C-alpha atoms as a PDB file:
ATOM      1  CA  MET A   1      19.692 -40.376  10.766  1.00  0.00           C
ATOM      2  CA  GLY A   2      18.030 -37.137  12.668  1.00  0.00           C
ATOM      3  CA  ARG A   3      20.282 -34.697  11.309  1.00  0.00           C
ATOM      4  CA  VAL A   4      20.159 -35.483   7.461  1.00  0.00           C
ATOM      5  CA  THR A   5      16.164 -35.224   8.254  1.00  0.00           C
ATOM      6  CA  GLU A   6      16.342 -32.089   9.824  1.00  0.00           C
ATOM      7  CA  ILE A   7      18.500 -30.711   7.014  1.00  0.00           C
ATOM      8  CA  GLY A   8      16.129 -32.260   4.700  1.00  0.00           C
ATOM      9  CA  ARG A   9      13.284 -30.333   6.003  1.00  0.00           C
ATOM     10  CA  GLN A  10      15.338 -27.392   6.063  1.00  0.00           C
ATOM     11  CA  ILE A  11      15.934 -27.611   2.185  1.00  0.00           C
ATOM     12  CA  ARG A  12      12.148 -28.274   1.500  1.00  0.00           C
ATOM     13  CA  TRP A  13      11.055 -25.140   3.522  1.00  0.00           C
ATOM     14  CA  TYR A  14      13.489 -23.438   1.725  1.00  0.00           C
ATOM     15  CA  TRP A  15      12.490 -24.191  -1.589  1.00  0.00           C
ATOM     16  CA  GLY A  16       9.113 -23.960  -1.083  1.00  0.00           C
ATOM     17  CA  SER A  17       9.548 -20.593   0.185  1.00  0.00           C
ATOM     18  CA  LEU A  18      11.732 -19.733  -2.887  1.00  0.00           C
ATOM     19  CA  MET A  19       8.893 -21.056  -5.166  1.00  0.00           C
ATOM     20  CA  GLY A  20       6.199 -19.261  -3.557  1.00  0.00           C
ATOM     21  CA  ASP A  21       4.513 -22.485  -2.149  1.00  0.00           C
ATOM     22  CA  ASN A  22       4.030 -21.507   0.987  1.00  0.00           C
ATOM     23  CA  HIS A  23       2.565 -17.772   0.335  1.00  0.00           C
ATOM     24  CA  TYR A  24      -1.014 -18.478   0.274  1.00  0.00           C
ATOM     25  CA  ASP A  25      -0.698 -20.043   3.739  1.00  0.00           C
ATOM     26  CA  ARG A  26       1.362 -17.411   5.613  1.00  0.00           C
ATOM     27  CA  TYR A  27      -1.347 -14.813   3.696  1.00  0.00           C
ATOM     28  CA  VAL A  28      -4.064 -16.727   5.573  1.00  0.00           C
ATOM     29  CA  GLU A  29      -2.212 -16.766   9.066  1.00  0.00           C
ATOM     30  CA  HIS A  30      -1.330 -13.175   8.617  1.00  0.00           C
ATOM     31  CA  ARG A  31      -5.368 -12.491   7.656  1.00  0.00           C
ATOM     32  CA  ARG A  32      -6.605 -14.552  10.972  1.00  0.00           C
ATOM     33  CA  ARG A  33      -3.969 -13.153  13.055  1.00  0.00           C
ATOM     34  CA  SER A  34      -3.774  -9.247  12.130  1.00  0.00           C
ATOM     35  CA  HIS A  35      -7.800  -9.160  10.818  1.00  0.00           C
ATOM     36  CA  PRO A  36      -9.712 -11.694  13.050  1.00  0.00           C
ATOM     37  CA  GLY A  37     -13.587 -12.228  11.769  1.00  0.00           C
ATOM     38  CA  GLU A  38     -12.948 -10.588   8.144  1.00  0.00           C
ATOM     39  CA  PRO A  39     -13.283 -13.101   5.413  1.00  0.00           C
ATOM     40  CA  VAL A  40     -10.182 -14.985   3.728  1.00  0.00           C
ATOM     41  CA  CYS A  41     -10.193 -15.130  -0.035  1.00  0.00           C
ATOM     42  CA  THR A  42     -10.132 -18.352  -1.403  1.00  0.00           C
ATOM     43  CA  GLU A  43      -6.126 -19.760  -2.900  1.00  0.00           C
ATOM     44  CA  ARG A  44      -7.228 -19.350  -6.560  1.00  0.00           C
ATOM     45  CA  ASP A  45      -8.440 -15.462  -5.811  1.00  0.00           C
ATOM     46  CA  TYR A  46      -5.104 -14.694  -3.884  1.00  0.00           C
ATOM     47  CA  TRP A  47      -3.253 -15.831  -6.810  1.00  0.00           C
ATOM     48  CA  ARG A  48      -5.409 -13.938  -9.158  1.00  0.00           C
ATOM     49  CA  MET A  49      -4.826 -10.729  -6.643  1.00  0.00           C
ATOM     50  CA  ARG A  50      -1.342 -11.393  -6.243  1.00  0.00           C
ATOM     51  CA  HIS A  51      -0.419 -11.648 -10.318  1.00  0.00           C
ATOM     52  CA  ALA A  52      -2.886  -8.271 -10.817  1.00  0.00           C
ATOM     53  CA  ALA A  53      -0.709  -6.617  -8.213  1.00  0.00           C
ATOM     54  CA  SER A  54       2.438  -7.415  -9.681  1.00  0.00           C
ATOM     55  CA  GLU A  55       1.393  -6.960 -13.098  1.00  0.00           C
ATOM     56  CA  SER A  56       0.128  -3.466 -12.051  1.00  0.00           C
ATOM     57  CA  ASN A  57       3.286  -2.590 -10.206  1.00  0.00           C
ATOM     58  CA  PRO A  58       6.481  -4.372 -12.095  1.00  0.00           C
ATOM     59  CA  SER A  59       9.144  -2.923  -9.906  1.00  0.00           C
ATOM     60  CA  ALA A  60      10.952  -5.802  -9.063  1.00  0.00           C
ATOM     61  CA  ARG A  61      10.844  -7.672 -12.103  1.00  0.00           C
ATOM     62  CA  CYS A  62      13.868  -7.630 -14.955  1.00  0.00           C
ATOM     63  CA  CYS A  63      11.927  -7.669 -17.927  1.00  0.00           C
END
């Protein structure tokens, strides 16, 4: 049962990474590690910033 659980956990992690579920968590971790003491924007502001950046620089999109 342990192997099946581990495979399920890996699939869930991969799917979450693919869909962007953990992007904000990775951003927060990066900010705290690389820029300690500086403010971290809220998740809502993070996604606004991310979408604005992708709209202003559509380099990796098909449409």
